[in-house]
Amino acid sequence: QVQLVESGGGLVQAGGSLRLSCAASGRTFSTYMGWFRQAPGKEREFVATTSWTGSITYYADSVKGRFTISRDNAKNTVYLQMNSLKPEDTAVFYCAATQRYIGSAYYQPRSYDYWGQGTQVTVSS
């Protein structure tokens, strides 16, 4: 079992920055760790993911150039640095992890086996 705990969310004005953290505990065997977000009334959408076996990262088009995913394997923690935040970024952000090699399915929520409780990010206009 893997437990994931997100932190770092909050309220920020448009153009501001936040850094989210996701700390994993338990069996830390995850192949991929990633971030998803879900706004009210919308489906959960992919934000970014990173492989723990290689320096592989993927980003949603909507966040490319603004968000950066990184990891600290010693701490078993993944981060999401969010810059130039926009009101449309407002959502609950979820950390996710999987042991499986998910390949091209990295953007699908169903590819991930473990989820955090979410952290609210609110960007005001």
Protein backbone atom coordinates (compact mmCIF):
# COMPACT_ATOMS: atom_id res chain seq x y z
CA GLN A 1 0.00 0.00 0.00
CA VAL A 2 1.05 3.54 -0.74
CA GLN A 3 -0.32 6.58 0.99
CA LEU A 4 -0.12 9.97 -0.67
CA VAL A 5 -0.53 13.31 1.07
CA GLU A 6 -0.71 16.56 -0.85
CA SER A 7 0.09 19.93 0.58
CA GLY A 8 0.83 23.46 -0.57
CA GLY A 9 -2.50 24.52 -1.96
CA GLY A 10 -4.05 27.83 -1.17
CA LEU A 11 -5.39 31.09 -2.49
CA VAL A 12 -3.29 33.11 -4.87
CA GLN A 13 -3.88 35.99 -7.26
CA ALA A 14 -3.63 35.52 -10.99
CA GLY A 15 -0.01 35.56 -12.07
CA GLY A 16 1.18 34.20 -8.76
CA SER A 17 2.88 30.95 -7.90
CA LEU A 18 2.36 27.96 -5.68
CA ARG A 19 4.34 24.81 -5.10
CA LEU A 20 2.46 21.65 -4.34
CA SER A 21 4.06 18.71 -2.61
CA CYS A 22 3.05 15.08 -2.55
CA ALA A 23 4.67 12.87 0.04
CA ALA A 24 4.42 9.12 -0.40
CA SER A 25 4.65 6.59 2.39
CA GLY A 26 4.29 2.86 2.68
CA ARG A 27 5.61 0.73 -0.14
CA THR A 28 7.31 3.29 -2.32
CA PHE A 29 7.53 1.37 -5.54
CA SER A 30 5.76 3.79 -7.82
CA THR A 31 6.83 3.87 -11.42
CA TYR A 32 4.99 7.09 -12.15
CA MET A 33 3.81 9.87 -9.93
CA GLY A 34 1.63 12.58 -11.28
CA TRP A 35 -0.81 15.38 -10.72
CA PHE A 36 -4.42 15.68 -11.75
CA ARG A 37 -6.93 18.39 -11.04
CA GLN A 38 -10.67 18.62 -10.86
CA ALA A 39 -12.69 21.80 -11.04
CA PRO A 40 -16.31 21.95 -9.89
CA GLY A 41 -18.61 20.30 -12.39
CA LYS A 42 -15.74 19.02 -14.51
CA GLU A 43 -13.98 15.72 -14.97
CA ARG A 44 -10.66 15.02 -13.38
CA GLU A 45 -7.98 16.05 -15.84
CA PHE A 46 -4.34 15.26 -16.26
CA VAL A 47 -1.83 17.93 -15.34
CA ALA A 48 1.63 16.38 -15.26
CA THR A 49 3.45 13.16 -14.51
CA THR A 50 6.99 11.96 -13.97
CA SER A 51 8.65 8.57 -14.06
CA TRP A 52 10.72 7.55 -11.06
CA THR A 53 12.83 5.22 -13.18
CA GLY A 54 13.91 7.87 -15.63
CA SER A 55 13.77 11.55 -16.31
CA ILE A 56 10.51 11.34 -18.21
CA THR A 57 7.92 14.03 -17.80
CA TYR A 58 4.66 14.84 -19.52
CA TYR A 59 2.49 17.91 -19.24
CA ALA A 60 -0.97 18.86 -20.29
CA ASP A 61 -0.93 21.46 -23.03
CA SER A 62 -2.78 23.87 -20.77
CA VAL A 63 0.09 24.01 -18.28
CA LYS A 64 3.17 23.66 -20.46
CA GLY A 65 5.63 26.44 -19.82
CA ARG A 66 3.95 27.36 -16.54
CA PHE A 67 4.08 24.22 -14.41
CA THR A 68 7.07 22.05 -13.60
CA ILE A 69 6.92 18.61 -12.06
CA SER A 70 9.94 17.38 -10.14
CA ARG A 71 10.83 14.70 -7.66
CA ASP A 72 13.04 13.99 -4.71
CA ASN A 73 13.44 10.25 -4.58
CA ALA A 74 15.25 10.35 -1.24
CA LYS A 75 12.17 11.95 0.28
CA ASN A 76 9.80 10.01 -1.96
CA THR A 77 8.15 13.28 -2.78
CA VAL A 78 6.93 14.82 -5.99
CA TYR A 79 6.43 18.53 -6.48
CA LEU A 80 4.44 20.68 -8.80
CA GLN A 81 5.76 24.19 -9.20
CA MET A 82 2.99 26.33 -10.61
CA ASN A 83 3.84 29.72 -12.02
CA SER A 84 1.78 32.30 -13.87
CA LEU A 85 -1.37 30.91 -12.36
CA LYS A 86 -4.66 31.66 -14.03
CA PRO A 87 -8.19 31.64 -12.64
CA GLU A 88 -8.92 28.62 -14.83
CA ASP A 89 -6.31 26.70 -12.85
CA THR A 90 -8.64 26.77 -9.87
CA ALA A 91 -9.32 23.18 -8.87
CA VAL A 92 -8.65 20.50 -6.36
CA PHE A 93 -5.26 19.06 -7.23
CA TYR A 94 -4.65 15.39 -6.64
CA CYS A 95 -1.43 13.48 -6.46
CA ALA A 96 -1.44 10.02 -7.98
CA ALA A 97 0.97 7.11 -8.21
CA THR A 98 1.25 3.74 -9.87
CA GLN A 99 3.66 0.84 -9.83
CA ARG A 100 2.82 -0.15 -13.38
CA TYR A 101 4.44 1.00 -16.55
CA ILE A 102 1.66 3.00 -18.07
CA GLY A 103 3.35 4.24 -21.23
CA SER A 104 1.10 6.32 -23.40
CA ALA A 105 -1.73 6.04 -20.87
CA TYR A 106 -0.03 8.48 -18.50
CA TYR A 107 -2.84 10.98 -18.91
CA GLN A 108 -5.62 8.60 -17.87
CA PRO A 109 -6.73 8.67 -14.22
CA ARG A 110 -7.46 4.95 -14.40
CA SER A 111 -3.75 4.29 -14.96
CA TYR A 112 -2.99 5.32 -11.39
CA ASP A 113 -3.60 3.09 -8.39
CA TYR A 114 -3.05 5.42 -5.47
CA TRP A 115 -4.48 8.86 -4.85
CA GLY A 116 -4.08 11.57 -2.30
CA GLN A 117 -6.92 13.43 -0.66
CA GLY A 118 -6.44 16.53 -2.76
CA THR A 119 -5.41 20.08 -2.05
CA GLN A 120 -7.42 23.11 -3.08
CA VAL A 121 -5.86 25.67 -5.38
CA THR A 122 -7.82 28.85 -5.89
CA VAL A 123 -6.64 31.56 -8.25
CA SER A 124 -8.41 34.88 -8.03
CA SER A 125 -8.75 37.27 -10.94
